[in-house]
Structure formats: C-alpha cells, structure tokens
Amino acid sequence: MRIKDGYIVKKLGTGYVAVAVGDAAKEFNGVIRLNPAGEFLWRSIAEGADTREKLTAAMLERYEDLERARAEKDLTEFLDTVAFCLEE
C-alpha cells in the first residue's frame, strides 16, 4: 500500500491533519484529523511500510506497552479511516 499522490500531512497546533492538494482535492475537499499515532502510521506508510505486518511491527516497536491484538485493531481502524487516500 502507499499514499496516493496529492495527500499530505501538516502539523496544525498540537495535532496533525491530512489534506488533499492539487487534483486530489477534486475527490476530497476536507481534512482528516490525525492523533500522534495516526501521524506515525501515515509517516510510516510514506516511508515505505507497505503492509499490515510492517505497520504492526512499527507500532509494537514504537509503543512498547502495546499488545499485538490492540495494535492490529487500531491499525484496522486507521486504515479504514484513510482508505480513500491509499492505493495498493
């Protein structure tokens, strides 16, 4: 998976938002608020973590107290939220 062209993340105050720019803004004209974990996952995908397993491993490495089942659940929720920004 990868983030489609035209979607970027910007810091806004103490949080982050994903926005569409250029041609992508014709499909999506809004913002997605990301908590720190969401921003971490977005950045991980942008940097090449292109499978659920790689993303889960990154989460478990970053958040030492996180259990695998919770990481997988949180990852699924994140991917469902940003699915329209992703492509295989």
Protein backbone atom coordinates (compact mmCIF):
# COMPACT_ATOMS: atom_id res chain seq x y z
CA MET A 1 0.00 0.00 0.00
CA ARG A 2 1.02 3.58 -0.47
CA ILE A 3 -0.46 7.03 -0.03
CA LYS A 4 -2.00 8.36 -3.22
CA ASP A 5 -0.38 11.36 -4.85
CA GLY A 6 -1.83 14.65 -3.67
CA TYR A 7 -2.30 13.86 0.02
CA ILE A 8 -0.07 15.49 2.59
CA VAL A 9 0.10 15.79 6.36
CA LYS A 10 0.62 19.11 8.09
CA LYS A 11 1.10 19.98 11.74
CA LEU A 12 -1.77 22.12 12.98
CA GLY A 13 -1.37 23.38 16.51
CA THR A 14 -0.58 20.36 18.65
CA GLY A 15 -2.06 17.84 16.19
CA TYR A 16 -1.85 16.84 12.56
CA VAL A 17 -4.19 16.91 9.59
CA ALA A 18 -4.09 15.11 6.26
CA VAL A 19 -5.31 17.20 3.35
CA ALA A 20 -5.70 16.76 -0.36
CA VAL A 21 -3.90 19.13 -2.70
CA GLY A 22 -3.89 19.58 -6.46
CA ASP A 23 -6.00 17.12 -8.42
CA ALA A 24 -6.68 15.04 -5.30
CA ALA A 25 -8.65 17.97 -3.87
CA LYS A 26 -11.26 17.36 -6.59
CA GLU A 27 -12.01 13.98 -4.98
CA PHE A 28 -11.68 15.01 -1.34
CA ASN A 29 -12.24 18.53 -0.09
CA GLY A 30 -11.74 18.22 3.63
CA VAL A 31 -9.29 17.29 6.34
CA ILE A 32 -8.59 14.17 8.33
CA ARG A 33 -7.51 14.86 11.87
CA LEU A 34 -4.71 12.57 13.00
CA ASN A 35 -3.69 11.89 16.55
CA PRO A 36 0.04 11.24 17.17
CA ALA A 37 -0.39 7.51 16.46
CA GLY A 38 -2.22 8.27 13.22
CA GLU A 39 0.53 10.66 12.15
CA PHE A 40 3.10 7.96 12.97
CA LEU A 41 1.25 5.42 10.83
CA TRP A 42 0.82 7.89 7.95
CA ARG A 43 4.54 8.73 8.05
CA SER A 44 5.42 5.03 8.25
CA ILE A 45 3.41 4.33 5.10
CA ALA A 46 5.01 7.33 3.37
CA GLU A 47 8.44 5.97 4.31
CA GLY A 48 7.74 2.53 2.86
CA ALA A 49 5.92 0.42 5.45
CA ASP A 50 3.60 -1.02 2.82
CA THR A 51 1.97 -4.00 4.56
CA ARG A 52 -0.16 -4.52 7.64
CA GLU A 53 2.61 -6.64 9.15
CA LYS A 54 5.24 -3.92 8.69
CA LEU A 55 2.92 -1.32 10.18
CA THR A 56 2.02 -3.55 13.13
CA ALA A 57 5.71 -4.22 13.77
CA ALA A 58 6.45 -0.49 13.64
CA MET A 59 3.67 0.19 16.15
CA LEU A 60 4.89 -2.53 18.52
CA GLU A 61 8.43 -1.16 18.33
CA ARG A 62 7.37 2.43 18.92
CA TYR A 63 4.79 1.76 21.66
CA GLU A 64 6.50 -0.76 23.93
CA ASP A 65 3.46 -1.43 26.15
CA LEU A 66 1.12 -2.01 23.21
CA GLU A 67 -0.22 -5.53 22.81
CA ARG A 68 -0.35 -7.07 19.32
CA ALA A 69 -4.15 -7.52 19.35
CA ARG A 70 -4.67 -3.84 20.23
CA ALA A 71 -2.12 -2.74 17.61
CA GLU A 72 -3.90 -4.76 14.93
CA LYS A 73 -7.30 -3.36 15.95
CA ASP A 74 -6.04 0.23 16.00
CA LEU A 75 -4.31 -0.27 12.65
CA THR A 76 -7.52 -1.59 11.08
CA GLU A 77 -9.45 1.44 12.35
CA PHE A 78 -6.80 3.80 10.98
CA LEU A 79 -6.68 2.10 7.59
CA ASP A 80 -10.48 2.13 7.36
CA THR A 81 -10.48 5.88 8.06
CA VAL A 82 -7.86 6.75 5.44
CA ALA A 83 -8.67 4.02 2.90
CA PHE A 84 -9.62 6.52 0.18
CA CYS A 85 -6.13 8.06 0.47
CA LEU A 86 -4.38 4.73 -0.11
CA GLU A 87 -3.68 2.51 -3.07
CA GLU A 88 -2.17 -0.91 -3.36
